[in-house]
């Protein structure tokens, strides 16, 4: 998950919202 969060921060749309959703999952 740690690596996935790094990828999300750099390459995903809406990284902040996505990180919160991933933590909830």
PDBML (XML) file of the C-alpha atoms, coordinates in Angstrom:
<?xml version="1.0" encoding="UTF-8" ?>
<PDBx:datablock datablockName="MODEL"
   xmlns:PDBx="http://pdbml.pdb.org/schema/pdbx-v50.xsd"
   xmlns:xsi="http://www.w3.org/2001/XMLSchema-instance"
   xsi:schemaLocation="http://pdbml.pdb.org/schema/pdbx-v50.xsd pdbx-v50.xsd">
   <PDBx:atom_siteCategory>
      <PDBx:atom_site id="1">
         <PDBx:B_iso_or_equiv>0.00</PDBx:B_iso_or_equiv>
         <PDBx:Cartn_x>0.000</PDBx:Cartn_x>
         <PDBx:Cartn_y>0.000</PDBx:Cartn_y>
         <PDBx:Cartn_z>0.000</PDBx:Cartn_z>
         <PDBx:auth_asym_id>A</PDBx:auth_asym_id>
         <PDBx:auth_atom_id>CA</PDBx:auth_atom_id>
         <PDBx:auth_comp_id>UNK</PDBx:auth_comp_id>
         <PDBx:auth_seq_id>1</PDBx:auth_seq_id>
         <PDBx:group_PDB>ATOM</PDBx:group_PDB>
         <PDBx:label_alt_id xsi:nil="true" />
         <PDBx:label_asym_id>A</PDBx:label_asym_id>
         <PDBx:label_atom_id>CA</PDBx:label_atom_id>
         <PDBx:label_comp_id>UNK</PDBx:label_comp_id>
         <PDBx:label_entity_id>1</PDBx:label_entity_id>
         <PDBx:label_seq_id>1</PDBx:label_seq_id>
         <PDBx:occupancy>1.00</PDBx:occupancy>
         <PDBx:pdbx_PDB_model_num>1</PDBx:pdbx_PDB_model_num>
         <PDBx:type_symbol>C</PDBx:type_symbol>
      </PDBx:atom_site>
      <PDBx:atom_site id="2">
         <PDBx:B_iso_or_equiv>0.00</PDBx:B_iso_or_equiv>
         <PDBx:Cartn_x>2.873</PDBx:Cartn_x>
         <PDBx:Cartn_y>2.351</PDBx:Cartn_y>
         <PDBx:Cartn_z>0.764</PDBx:Cartn_z>
         <PDBx:auth_asym_id>A</PDBx:auth_asym_id>
         <PDBx:auth_atom_id>CA</PDBx:auth_atom_id>
         <PDBx:auth_comp_id>UNK</PDBx:auth_comp_id>
         <PDBx:auth_seq_id>2</PDBx:auth_seq_id>
         <PDBx:group_PDB>ATOM</PDBx:group_PDB>
         <PDBx:label_alt_id xsi:nil="true" />
         <PDBx:label_asym_id>A</PDBx:label_asym_id>
         <PDBx:label_atom_id>CA</PDBx:label_atom_id>
         <PDBx:label_comp_id>UNK</PDBx:label_comp_id>
         <PDBx:label_entity_id>1</PDBx:label_entity_id>
         <PDBx:label_seq_id>2</PDBx:label_seq_id>
         <PDBx:occupancy>1.00</PDBx:occupancy>
         <PDBx:pdbx_PDB_model_num>1</PDBx:pdbx_PDB_model_num>
         <PDBx:type_symbol>C</PDBx:type_symbol>
      </PDBx:atom_site>
      <PDBx:atom_site id="3">
         <PDBx:B_iso_or_equiv>0.00</PDBx:B_iso_or_equiv>
         <PDBx:Cartn_x>4.211</PDBx:Cartn_x>
         <PDBx:Cartn_y>2.067</PDBx:Cartn_y>
         <PDBx:Cartn_z>-2.782</PDBx:Cartn_z>
         <PDBx:auth_asym_id>A</PDBx:auth_asym_id>
         <PDBx:auth_atom_id>CA</PDBx:auth_atom_id>
         <PDBx:auth_comp_id>UNK</PDBx:auth_comp_id>
         <PDBx:auth_seq_id>3</PDBx:auth_seq_id>
         <PDBx:group_PDB>ATOM</PDBx:group_PDB>
         <PDBx:label_alt_id xsi:nil="true" />
         <PDBx:label_asym_id>A</PDBx:label_asym_id>
         <PDBx:label_atom_id>CA</PDBx:label_atom_id>
         <PDBx:label_comp_id>UNK</PDBx:label_comp_id>
         <PDBx:label_entity_id>1</PDBx:label_entity_id>
         <PDBx:label_seq_id>3</PDBx:label_seq_id>
         <PDBx:occupancy>1.00</PDBx:occupancy>
         <PDBx:pdbx_PDB_model_num>1</PDBx:pdbx_PDB_model_num>
         <PDBx:type_symbol>C</PDBx:type_symbol>
      </PDBx:atom_site>
      <PDBx:atom_site id="4">
         <PDBx:B_iso_or_equiv>0.00</PDBx:B_iso_or_equiv>
         <PDBx:Cartn_x>0.710</PDBx:Cartn_x>
         <PDBx:Cartn_y>2.433</PDBx:Cartn_y>
         <PDBx:Cartn_z>-4.195</PDBx:Cartn_z>
         <PDBx:auth_asym_id>A</PDBx:auth_asym_id>
         <PDBx:auth_atom_id>CA</PDBx:auth_atom_id>
         <PDBx:auth_comp_id>UNK</PDBx:auth_comp_id>
         <PDBx:auth_seq_id>4</PDBx:auth_seq_id>
         <PDBx:group_PDB>ATOM</PDBx:group_PDB>
         <PDBx:label_alt_id xsi:nil="true" />
         <PDBx:label_asym_id>A</PDBx:label_asym_id>
         <PDBx:label_atom_id>CA</PDBx:label_atom_id>
         <PDBx:label_comp_id>UNK</PDBx:label_comp_id>
         <PDBx:label_entity_id>1</PDBx:label_entity_id>
         <PDBx:label_seq_id>4</PDBx:label_seq_id>
         <PDBx:occupancy>1.00</PDBx:occupancy>
         <PDBx:pdbx_PDB_model_num>1</PDBx:pdbx_PDB_model_num>
         <PDBx:type_symbol>C</PDBx:type_symbol>
      </PDBx:atom_site>
      <PDBx:atom_site id="5">
         <PDBx:B_iso_or_equiv>0.00</PDBx:B_iso_or_equiv>
         <PDBx:Cartn_x>0.261</PDBx:Cartn_x>
         <PDBx:Cartn_y>5.716</PDBx:Cartn_y>
         <PDBx:Cartn_z>-2.306</PDBx:Cartn_z>
         <PDBx:auth_asym_id>A</PDBx:auth_asym_id>
         <PDBx:auth_atom_id>CA</PDBx:auth_atom_id>
         <PDBx:auth_comp_id>UNK</PDBx:auth_comp_id>
         <PDBx:auth_seq_id>5</PDBx:auth_seq_id>
         <PDBx:group_PDB>ATOM</PDBx:group_PDB>
         <PDBx:label_alt_id xsi:nil="true" />
         <PDBx:label_asym_id>A</PDBx:label_asym_id>
         <PDBx:label_atom_id>CA</PDBx:label_atom_id>
         <PDBx:label_comp_id>UNK</PDBx:label_comp_id>
         <PDBx:label_entity_id>1</PDBx:label_entity_id>
         <PDBx:label_seq_id>5</PDBx:label_seq_id>
         <PDBx:occupancy>1.00</PDBx:occupancy>
         <PDBx:pdbx_PDB_model_num>1</PDBx:pdbx_PDB_model_num>
         <PDBx:type_symbol>C</PDBx:type_symbol>
      </PDBx:atom_site>
      <PDBx:atom_site id="6">
         <PDBx:B_iso_or_equiv>0.00</PDBx:B_iso_or_equiv>
         <PDBx:Cartn_x>3.490</PDBx:Cartn_x>
         <PDBx:Cartn_y>7.039</PDBx:Cartn_y>
         <PDBx:Cartn_z>-3.870</PDBx:Cartn_z>
         <PDBx:auth_asym_id>A</PDBx:auth_asym_id>
         <PDBx:auth_atom_id>CA</PDBx:auth_atom_id>
         <PDBx:auth_comp_id>UNK</PDBx:auth_comp_id>
         <PDBx:auth_seq_id>6</PDBx:auth_seq_id>
         <PDBx:group_PDB>ATOM</PDBx:group_PDB>
         <PDBx:label_alt_id xsi:nil="true" />
         <PDBx:label_asym_id>A</PDBx:label_asym_id>
         <PDBx:label_atom_id>CA</PDBx:label_atom_id>
         <PDBx:label_comp_id>UNK</PDBx:label_comp_id>
         <PDBx:label_entity_id>1</PDBx:label_entity_id>
         <PDBx:label_seq_id>6</PDBx:label_seq_id>
         <PDBx:occupancy>1.00</PDBx:occupancy>
         <PDBx:pdbx_PDB_model_num>1</PDBx:pdbx_PDB_model_num>
         <PDBx:type_symbol>C</PDBx:type_symbol>
      </PDBx:atom_site>
      <PDBx:atom_site id="7">
         <PDBx:B_iso_or_equiv>0.00</PDBx:B_iso_or_equiv>
         <PDBx:Cartn_x>2.207</PDBx:Cartn_x>
         <PDBx:Cartn_y>6.174</PDBx:Cartn_y>
         <PDBx:Cartn_z>-7.350</PDBx:Cartn_z>
         <PDBx:auth_asym_id>A</PDBx:auth_asym_id>
         <PDBx:auth_atom_id>CA</PDBx:auth_atom_id>
         <PDBx:auth_comp_id>UNK</PDBx:auth_comp_id>
         <PDBx:auth_seq_id>7</PDBx:auth_seq_id>
         <PDBx:group_PDB>ATOM</PDBx:group_PDB>
         <PDBx:label_alt_id xsi:nil="true" />
         <PDBx:label_asym_id>A</PDBx:label_asym_id>
         <PDBx:label_atom_id>CA</PDBx:label_atom_id>
         <PDBx:label_comp_id>UNK</PDBx:label_comp_id>
         <PDBx:label_entity_id>1</PDBx:label_entity_id>
         <PDBx:label_seq_id>7</PDBx:label_seq_id>
         <PDBx:occupancy>1.00</PDBx:occupancy>
         <PDBx:pdbx_PDB_model_num>1</PDBx:pdbx_PDB_model_num>
         <PDBx:type_symbol>C</PDBx:type_symbol>
      </PDBx:atom_site>
      <PDBx:atom_site id="8">
         <PDBx:B_iso_or_equiv>0.00</PDBx:B_iso_or_equiv>
         <PDBx:Cartn_x>-1.147</PDBx:Cartn_x>
         <PDBx:Cartn_y>7.803</PDBx:Cartn_y>
         <PDBx:Cartn_z>-6.599</PDBx:Cartn_z>
         <PDBx:auth_asym_id>A</PDBx:auth_asym_id>
         <PDBx:auth_atom_id>CA</PDBx:auth_atom_id>
         <PDBx:auth_comp_id>UNK</PDBx:auth_comp_id>
         <PDBx:auth_seq_id>8</PDBx:auth_seq_id>
         <PDBx:group_PDB>ATOM</PDBx:group_PDB>
         <PDBx:label_alt_id xsi:nil="true" />
         <PDBx:label_asym_id>A</PDBx:label_asym_id>
         <PDBx:label_atom_id>CA</PDBx:label_atom_id>
         <PDBx:label_comp_id>UNK</PDBx:label_comp_id>
         <PDBx:label_entity_id>1</PDBx:label_entity_id>
         <PDBx:label_seq_id>8</PDBx:label_seq_id>
         <PDBx:occupancy>1.00</PDBx:occupancy>
         <PDBx:pdbx_PDB_model_num>1</PDBx:pdbx_PDB_model_num>
         <PDBx:type_symbol>C</PDBx:type_symbol>
      </PDBx:atom_site>
      <PDBx:atom_site id="9">
         <PDBx:B_iso_or_equiv>0.00</PDBx:B_iso_or_equiv>
         <PDBx:Cartn_x>0.502</PDBx:Cartn_x>
         <PDBx:Cartn_y>11.028</PDBx:Cartn_y>
         <PDBx:Cartn_z>-5.423</PDBx:Cartn_z>
         <PDBx:auth_asym_id>A</PDBx:auth_asym_id>
         <PDBx:auth_atom_id>CA</PDBx:auth_atom_id>
         <PDBx:auth_comp_id>UNK</PDBx:auth_comp_id>
         <PDBx:auth_seq_id>9</PDBx:auth_seq_id>
         <PDBx:group_PDB>ATOM</PDBx:group_PDB>
         <PDBx:label_alt_id xsi:nil="true" />
         <PDBx:label_asym_id>A</PDBx:label_asym_id>
         <PDBx:label_atom_id>CA</PDBx:label_atom_id>
         <PDBx:label_comp_id>UNK</PDBx:label_comp_id>
         <PDBx:label_entity_id>1</PDBx:label_entity_id>
         <PDBx:label_seq_id>9</PDBx:label_seq_id>
         <PDBx:occupancy>1.00</PDBx:occupancy>
         <PDBx:pdbx_PDB_model_num>1</PDBx:pdbx_PDB_model_num>
         <PDBx:type_symbol>C</PDBx:type_symbol>
      </PDBx:atom_site>
      <PDBx:atom_site id="10">
         <PDBx:B_iso_or_equiv>0.00</PDBx:B_iso_or_equiv>
         <PDBx:Cartn_x>2.478</PDBx:Cartn_x>
         <PDBx:Cartn_y>11.367</PDBx:Cartn_y>
         <PDBx:Cartn_z>-8.663</PDBx:Cartn_z>
         <PDBx:auth_asym_id>A</PDBx:auth_asym_id>
         <PDBx:auth_atom_id>CA</PDBx:auth_atom_id>
         <PDBx:auth_comp_id>UNK</PDBx:auth_comp_id>
         <PDBx:auth_seq_id>10</PDBx:auth_seq_id>
         <PDBx:group_PDB>ATOM</PDBx:group_PDB>
         <PDBx:label_alt_id xsi:nil="true" />
         <PDBx:label_asym_id>A</PDBx:label_asym_id>
         <PDBx:label_atom_id>CA</PDBx:label_atom_id>
         <PDBx:label_comp_id>UNK</PDBx:label_comp_id>
         <PDBx:label_entity_id>1</PDBx:label_entity_id>
         <PDBx:label_seq_id>10</PDBx:label_seq_id>
         <PDBx:occupancy>1.00</PDBx:occupancy>
         <PDBx:pdbx_PDB_model_num>1</PDBx:pdbx_PDB_model_num>
         <PDBx:type_symbol>C</PDBx:type_symbol>
      </PDBx:atom_site>
      <PDBx:atom_site id="11">
         <PDBx:B_iso_or_equiv>0.00</PDBx:B_iso_or_equiv>
         <PDBx:Cartn_x>0.303</PDBx:Cartn_x>
         <PDBx:Cartn_y>9.845</PDBx:Cartn_y>
         <PDBx:Cartn_z>-11.391</PDBx:Cartn_z>
         <PDBx:auth_asym_id>A</PDBx:auth_asym_id>
         <PDBx:auth_atom_id>CA</PDBx:auth_atom_id>
         <PDBx:auth_comp_id>UNK</PDBx:auth_comp_id>
         <PDBx:auth_seq_id>11</PDBx:auth_seq_id>
         <PDBx:group_PDB>ATOM</PDBx:group_PDB>
         <PDBx:label_alt_id xsi:nil="true" />
         <PDBx:label_asym_id>A</PDBx:label_asym_id>
         <PDBx:label_atom_id>CA</PDBx:label_atom_id>
         <PDBx:label_comp_id>UNK</PDBx:label_comp_id>
         <PDBx:label_entity_id>1</PDBx:label_entity_id>
         <PDBx:label_seq_id>11</PDBx:label_seq_id>
         <PDBx:occupancy>1.00</PDBx:occupancy>
         <PDBx:pdbx_PDB_model_num>1</PDBx:pdbx_PDB_model_num>
         <PDBx:type_symbol>C</PDBx:type_symbol>
      </PDBx:atom_site>
      <PDBx:atom_site id="12">
         <PDBx:B_iso_or_equiv>0.00</PDBx:B_iso_or_equiv>
         <PDBx:Cartn_x>-3.387</PDBx:Cartn_x>
         <PDBx:Cartn_y>9.731</PDBx:Cartn_y>
         <PDBx:Cartn_z>-10.404</PDBx:Cartn_z>
         <PDBx:auth_asym_id>A</PDBx:auth_asym_id>
         <PDBx:auth_atom_id>CA</PDBx:auth_atom_id>
         <PDBx:auth_comp_id>UNK</PDBx:auth_comp_id>
         <PDBx:auth_seq_id>12</PDBx:auth_seq_id>
         <PDBx:group_PDB>ATOM</PDBx:group_PDB>
         <PDBx:label_alt_id xsi:nil="true" />
         <PDBx:label_asym_id>A</PDBx:label_asym_id>
         <PDBx:label_atom_id>CA</PDBx:label_atom_id>
         <PDBx:label_comp_id>UNK</PDBx:label_comp_id>
         <PDBx:label_entity_id>1</PDBx:label_entity_id>
         <PDBx:label_seq_id>12</PDBx:label_seq_id>
         <PDBx:occupancy>1.00</PDBx:occupancy>
         <PDBx:pdbx_PDB_model_num>1</PDBx:pdbx_PDB_model_num>
         <PDBx:type_symbol>C</PDBx:type_symbol>
      </PDBx:atom_site>
      <PDBx:atom_site id="13">
         <PDBx:B_iso_or_equiv>0.00</PDBx:B_iso_or_equiv>
         <PDBx:Cartn_x>-6.159</PDBx:Cartn_x>
         <PDBx:Cartn_y>12.232</PDBx:Cartn_y>
         <PDBx:Cartn_z>-10.918</PDBx:Cartn_z>
         <PDBx:auth_asym_id>A</PDBx:auth_asym_id>
         <PDBx:auth_atom_id>CA</PDBx:auth_atom_id>
         <PDBx:auth_comp_id>UNK</PDBx:auth_comp_id>
         <PDBx:auth_seq_id>13</PDBx:auth_seq_id>
         <PDBx:group_PDB>ATOM</PDBx:group_PDB>
         <PDBx:label_alt_id xsi:nil="true" />
         <PDBx:label_asym_id>A</PDBx:label_asym_id>
         <PDBx:label_atom_id>CA</PDBx:label_atom_id>
         <PDBx:label_comp_id>UNK</PDBx:label_comp_id>
         <PDBx:label_entity_id>1</PDBx:label_entity_id>
         <PDBx:label_seq_id>13</PDBx:label_seq_id>
         <PDBx:occupancy>1.00</PDBx:occupancy>
         <PDBx:pdbx_PDB_model_num>1</PDBx:pdbx_PDB_model_num>
         <PDBx:type_symbol>C</PDBx:type_symbol>
      </PDBx:atom_site>
      <PDBx:atom_site id="14">
         <PDBx:B_iso_or_equiv>0.00</PDBx:B_iso_or_equiv>
         <PDBx:Cartn_x>-7.409</PDBx:Cartn_x>
         <PDBx:Cartn_y>13.724</PDBx:Cartn_y>
         <PDBx:Cartn_z>-7.635</PDBx:Cartn_z>
         <PDBx:auth_asym_id>A</PDBx:auth_asym_id>
         <PDBx:auth_atom_id>CA</PDBx:auth_atom_id>
         <PDBx:auth_comp_id>UNK</PDBx:auth_comp_id>
         <PDBx:auth_seq_id>14</PDBx:auth_seq_id>
         <PDBx:group_PDB>ATOM</PDBx:group_PDB>
         <PDBx:label_alt_id xsi:nil="true" />
         <PDBx:label_asym_id>A</PDBx:label_asym_id>
         <PDBx:label_atom_id>CA</PDBx:label_atom_id>
         <PDBx:label_comp_id>UNK</PDBx:label_comp_id>
         <PDBx:label_entity_id>1</PDBx:label_entity_id>
         <PDBx:label_seq_id>14</PDBx:label_seq_id>
         <PDBx:occupancy>1.00</PDBx:occupancy>
         <PDBx:pdbx_PDB_model_num>1</PDBx:pdbx_PDB_model_num>
         <PDBx:type_symbol>C</PDBx:type_symbol>
      </PDBx:atom_site>
      <PDBx:atom_site id="15">
         <PDBx:B_iso_or_equiv>0.00</PDBx:B_iso_or_equiv>
         <PDBx:Cartn_x>-4.609</PDBx:Cartn_x>
         <PDBx:Cartn_y>12.210</PDBx:Cartn_y>
         <PDBx:Cartn_z>-5.540</PDBx:Cartn_z>
         <PDBx:auth_asym_id>A</PDBx:auth_asym_id>
         <PDBx:auth_atom_id>CA</PDBx:auth_atom_id>
         <PDBx:auth_comp_id>UNK</PDBx:auth_comp_id>
         <PDBx:auth_seq_id>15</PDBx:auth_seq_id>
         <PDBx:group_PDB>ATOM</PDBx:group_PDB>
         <PDBx:label_alt_id xsi:nil="true" />
         <PDBx:label_asym_id>A</PDBx:label_asym_id>
         <PDBx:label_atom_id>CA</PDBx:label_atom_id>
         <PDBx:label_comp_id>UNK</PDBx:label_comp_id>
         <PDBx:label_entity_id>1</PDBx:label_entity_id>
         <PDBx:label_seq_id>15</PDBx:label_seq_id>
         <PDBx:occupancy>1.00</PDBx:occupancy>
         <PDBx:pdbx_PDB_model_num>1</PDBx:pdbx_PDB_model_num>
         <PDBx:type_symbol>C</PDBx:type_symbol>
      </PDBx:atom_site>
      <PDBx:atom_site id="16">
         <PDBx:B_iso_or_equiv>0.00</PDBx:B_iso_or_equiv>
         <PDBx:Cartn_x>-5.809</PDBx:Cartn_x>
         <PDBx:Cartn_y>13.529</PDBx:Cartn_y>
         <PDBx:Cartn_z>-2.163</PDBx:Cartn_z>
         <PDBx:auth_asym_id>A</PDBx:auth_asym_id>
         <PDBx:auth_atom_id>CA</PDBx:auth_atom_id>
         <PDBx:auth_comp_id>UNK</PDBx:auth_comp_id>
         <PDBx:auth_seq_id>16</PDBx:auth_seq_id>
         <PDBx:group_PDB>ATOM</PDBx:group_PDB>
         <PDBx:label_alt_id xsi:nil="true" />
         <PDBx:label_asym_id>A</PDBx:label_asym_id>
         <PDBx:label_atom_id>CA</PDBx:label_atom_id>
         <PDBx:label_comp_id>UNK</PDBx:label_comp_id>
         <PDBx:label_entity_id>1</PDBx:label_entity_id>
         <PDBx:label_seq_id>16</PDBx:label_seq_id>
         <PDBx:occupancy>1.00</PDBx:occupancy>
         <PDBx:pdbx_PDB_model_num>1</PDBx:pdbx_PDB_model_num>
         <PDBx:type_symbol>C</PDBx:type_symbol>
      </PDBx:atom_site>
      <PDBx:atom_site id="17">
         <PDBx:B_iso_or_equiv>0.00</PDBx:B_iso_or_equiv>
         <PDBx:Cartn_x>-9.341</PDBx:Cartn_x>
         <PDBx:Cartn_y>12.185</PDBx:Cartn_y>
         <PDBx:Cartn_z>-2.608</PDBx:Cartn_z>
         <PDBx:auth_asym_id>A</PDBx:auth_asym_id>
         <PDBx:auth_atom_id>CA</PDBx:auth_atom_id>
         <PDBx:auth_comp_id>UNK</PDBx:auth_comp_id>
         <PDBx:auth_seq_id>17</PDBx:auth_seq_id>
         <PDBx:group_PDB>ATOM</PDBx:group_PDB>
         <PDBx:label_alt_id xsi:nil="true" />
         <PDBx:label_asym_id>A</PDBx:label_asym_id>
         <PDBx:label_atom_id>CA</PDBx:label_atom_id>
         <PDBx:label_comp_id>UNK</PDBx:label_comp_id>
         <PDBx:label_entity_id>1</PDBx:label_entity_id>
         <PDBx:label_seq_id>17</PDBx:label_seq_id>
         <PDBx:occupancy>1.00</PDBx:occupancy>
         <PDBx:pdbx_PDB_model_num>1</PDBx:pdbx_PDB_model_num>
         <PDBx:type_symbol>C</PDBx:type_symbol>
      </PDBx:atom_site>
      <PDBx:atom_site id="18">
         <PDBx:B_iso_or_equiv>0.00</PDBx:B_iso_or_equiv>
         <PDBx:Cartn_x>-7.968</PDBx:Cartn_x>
         <PDBx:Cartn_y>8.896</PDBx:Cartn_y>
         <PDBx:Cartn_z>-4.001</PDBx:Cartn_z>
         <PDBx:auth_asym_id>A</PDBx:auth_asym_id>
         <PDBx:auth_atom_id>CA</PDBx:auth_atom_id>
         <PDBx:auth_comp_id>UNK</PDBx:auth_comp_id>
         <PDBx:auth_seq_id>18</PDBx:auth_seq_id>
         <PDBx:group_PDB>ATOM</PDBx:group_PDB>
         <PDBx:label_alt_id xsi:nil="true" />
         <PDBx:label_asym_id>A</PDBx:label_asym_id>
         <PDBx:label_atom_id>CA</PDBx:label_atom_id>
         <PDBx:label_comp_id>UNK</PDBx:label_comp_id>
         <PDBx:label_entity_id>1</PDBx:label_entity_id>
         <PDBx:label_seq_id>18</PDBx:label_seq_id>
         <PDBx:occupancy>1.00</PDBx:occupancy>
         <PDBx:pdbx_PDB_model_num>1</PDBx:pdbx_PDB_model_num>
         <PDBx:type_symbol>C</PDBx:type_symbol>
      </PDBx:atom_site>
      <PDBx:atom_site id="19">
         <PDBx:B_iso_or_equiv>0.00</PDBx:B_iso_or_equiv>
         <PDBx:Cartn_x>-5.580</PDBx:Cartn_x>
         <PDBx:Cartn_y>8.397</PDBx:Cartn_y>
         <PDBx:Cartn_z>-1.077</PDBx:Cartn_z>
         <PDBx:auth_asym_id>A</PDBx:auth_asym_id>
         <PDBx:auth_atom_id>CA</PDBx:auth_atom_id>
         <PDBx:auth_comp_id>UNK</PDBx:auth_comp_id>
         <PDBx:auth_seq_id>19</PDBx:auth_seq_id>
         <PDBx:group_PDB>ATOM</PDBx:group_PDB>
         <PDBx:label_alt_id xsi:nil="true" />
         <PDBx:label_asym_id>A</PDBx:label_asym_id>
         <PDBx:label_atom_id>CA</PDBx:label_atom_id>
         <PDBx:label_comp_id>UNK</PDBx:label_comp_id>
         <PDBx:label_entity_id>1</PDBx:label_entity_id>
         <PDBx:label_seq_id>19</PDBx:label_seq_id>
         <PDBx:occupancy>1.00</PDBx:occupancy>
         <PDBx:pdbx_PDB_model_num>1</PDBx:pdbx_PDB_model_num>
         <PDBx:type_symbol>C</PDBx:type_symbol>
      </PDBx:atom_site>
      <PDBx:atom_site id="20">
         <PDBx:B_iso_or_equiv>0.00</PDBx:B_iso_or_equiv>
         <PDBx:Cartn_x>-8.417</PDBx:Cartn_x>
         <PDBx:Cartn_y>8.846</PDBx:Cartn_y>
         <PDBx:Cartn_z>1.407</PDBx:Cartn_z>
         <PDBx:auth_asym_id>A</PDBx:auth_asym_id>
         <PDBx:auth_atom_id>CA</PDBx:auth_atom_id>
         <PDBx:auth_comp_id>UNK</PDBx:auth_comp_id>
         <PDBx:auth_seq_id>20</PDBx:auth_seq_id>
         <PDBx:group_PDB>ATOM</PDBx:group_PDB>
         <PDBx:label_alt_id xsi:nil="true" />
         <PDBx:label_asym_id>A</PDBx:label_asym_id>
         <PDBx:label_atom_id>CA</PDBx:label_atom_id>
         <PDBx:label_comp_id>UNK</PDBx:label_comp_id>
         <PDBx:label_entity_id>1</PDBx:label_entity_id>
         <PDBx:label_seq_id>20</PDBx:label_seq_id>
         <PDBx:occupancy>1.00</PDBx:occupancy>
         <PDBx:pdbx_PDB_model_num>1</PDBx:pdbx_PDB_model_num>
         <PDBx:type_symbol>C</PDBx:type_symbol>
      </PDBx:atom_site>
      <PDBx:atom_site id="21">
         <PDBx:B_iso_or_equiv>0.00</PDBx:B_iso_or_equiv>
         <PDBx:Cartn_x>-10.576</PDBx:Cartn_x>
         <PDBx:Cartn_y>6.365</PDBx:Cartn_y>
         <PDBx:Cartn_z>-0.519</PDBx:Cartn_z>
         <PDBx:auth_asym_id>A</PDBx:auth_asym_id>
         <PDBx:auth_atom_id>CA</PDBx:auth_atom_id>
         <PDBx:auth_comp_id>UNK</PDBx:auth_comp_id>
         <PDBx:auth_seq_id>21</PDBx:auth_seq_id>
         <PDBx:group_PDB>ATOM</PDBx:group_PDB>
         <PDBx:label_alt_id xsi:nil="true" />
         <PDBx:label_asym_id>A</PDBx:label_asym_id>
         <PDBx:label_atom_id>CA</PDBx:label_atom_id>
         <PDBx:label_comp_id>UNK</PDBx:label_comp_id>
         <PDBx:label_entity_id>1</PDBx:label_entity_id>
         <PDBx:label_seq_id>21</PDBx:label_seq_id>
         <PDBx:occupancy>1.00</PDBx:occupancy>
         <PDBx:pdbx_PDB_model_num>1</PDBx:pdbx_PDB_model_num>
         <PDBx:type_symbol>C</PDBx:type_symbol>
      </PDBx:atom_site>
      <PDBx:atom_site id="22">
         <PDBx:B_iso_or_equiv>0.00</PDBx:B_iso_or_equiv>
         <PDBx:Cartn_x>-7.735</PDBx:Cartn_x>
         <PDBx:Cartn_y>3.820</PDBx:Cartn_y>
         <PDBx:Cartn_z>-0.605</PDBx:Cartn_z>
         <PDBx:auth_asym_id>A</PDBx:auth_asym_id>
         <PDBx:auth_atom_id>CA</PDBx:auth_atom_id>
         <PDBx:auth_comp_id>UNK</PDBx:auth_comp_id>
         <PDBx:auth_seq_id>22</PDBx:auth_seq_id>
         <PDBx:group_PDB>ATOM</PDBx:group_PDB>
         <PDBx:label_alt_id xsi:nil="true" />
         <PDBx:label_asym_id>A</PDBx:label_asym_id>
         <PDBx:label_atom_id>CA</PDBx:label_atom_id>
         <PDBx:label_comp_id>UNK</PDBx:label_comp_id>
         <PDBx:label_entity_id>1</PDBx:label_entity_id>
         <PDBx:label_seq_id>22</PDBx:label_seq_id>
         <PDBx:occupancy>1.00</PDBx:occupancy>
         <PDBx:pdbx_PDB_model_num>1</PDBx:pdbx_PDB_model_num>
         <PDBx:type_symbol>C</PDBx:type_symbol>
      </PDBx:atom_site>
      <PDBx:atom_site id="23">
         <PDBx:B_iso_or_equiv>0.00</PDBx:B_iso_or_equiv>
         <PDBx:Cartn_x>-7.186</PDBx:Cartn_x>
         <PDBx:Cartn_y>4.172</PDBx:Cartn_y>
         <PDBx:Cartn_z>3.154</PDBx:Cartn_z>
         <PDBx:auth_asym_id>A</PDBx:auth_asym_id>
         <PDBx:auth_atom_id>CA</PDBx:auth_atom_id>
         <PDBx:auth_comp_id>UNK</PDBx:auth_comp_id>
         <PDBx:auth_seq_id>23</PDBx:auth_seq_id>
         <PDBx:group_PDB>ATOM</PDBx:group_PDB>
         <PDBx:label_alt_id xsi:nil="true" />
         <PDBx:label_asym_id>A</PDBx:label_asym_id>
         <PDBx:label_atom_id>CA</PDBx:label_atom_id>
         <PDBx:label_comp_id>UNK</PDBx:label_comp_id>
         <PDBx:label_entity_id>1</PDBx:label_entity_id>
         <PDBx:label_seq_id>23</PDBx:label_seq_id>
         <PDBx:occupancy>1.00</PDBx:occupancy>
         <PDBx:pdbx_PDB_model_num>1</PDBx:pdbx_PDB_model_num>
         <PDBx:type_symbol>C</PDBx:type_symbol>
      </PDBx:atom_site>
      <PDBx:atom_site id="24">
         <PDBx:B_iso_or_equiv>0.00</PDBx:B_iso_or_equiv>
         <PDBx:Cartn_x>-10.905</PDBx:Cartn_x>
         <PDBx:Cartn_y>3.595</PDBx:Cartn_y>
         <PDBx:Cartn_z>3.728</PDBx:Cartn_z>
         <PDBx:auth_asym_id>A</PDBx:auth_asym_id>
         <PDBx:auth_atom_id>CA</PDBx:auth_atom_id>
         <PDBx:auth_comp_id>UNK</PDBx:auth_comp_id>
         <PDBx:auth_seq_id>24</PDBx:auth_seq_id>
         <PDBx:group_PDB>ATOM</PDBx:group_PDB>
         <PDBx:label_alt_id xsi:nil="true" />
         <PDBx:label_asym_id>A</PDBx:label_asym_id>
         <PDBx:label_atom_id>CA</PDBx:label_atom_id>
         <PDBx:label_comp_id>UNK</PDBx:label_comp_id>
         <PDBx:label_entity_id>1</PDBx:label_entity_id>
         <PDBx:label_seq_id>24</PDBx:label_seq_id>
         <PDBx:occupancy>1.00</PDBx:occupancy>
         <PDBx:pdbx_PDB_model_num>1</PDBx:pdbx_PDB_model_num>
         <PDBx:type_symbol>C</PDBx:type_symbol>
      </PDBx:atom_site>
      <PDBx:atom_site id="25">
         <PDBx:B_iso_or_equiv>0.00</PDBx:B_iso_or_equiv>
         <PDBx:Cartn_x>-10.693</PDBx:Cartn_x>
         <PDBx:Cartn_y>0.429</PDBx:Cartn_y>
         <PDBx:Cartn_z>1.589</PDBx:Cartn_z>
         <PDBx:auth_asym_id>A</PDBx:auth_asym_id>
         <PDBx:auth_atom_id>CA</PDBx:auth_atom_id>
         <PDBx:auth_comp_id>UNK</PDBx:auth_comp_id>
         <PDBx:auth_seq_id>25</PDBx:auth_seq_id>
         <PDBx:group_PDB>ATOM</PDBx:group_PDB>
         <PDBx:label_alt_id xsi:nil="true" />
         <PDBx:label_asym_id>A</PDBx:label_asym_id>
         <PDBx:label_atom_id>CA</PDBx:label_atom_id>
         <PDBx:label_comp_id>UNK</PDBx:label_comp_id>
         <PDBx:label_entity_id>1</PDBx:label_entity_id>
         <PDBx:label_seq_id>25</PDBx:label_seq_id>
         <PDBx:occupancy>1.00</PDBx:occupancy>
         <PDBx:pdbx_PDB_model_num>1</PDBx:pdbx_PDB_model_num>
         <PDBx:type_symbol>C</PDBx:type_symbol>
      </PDBx:atom_site>
   </PDBx:atom_siteCategory>
</PDBx:datablock>
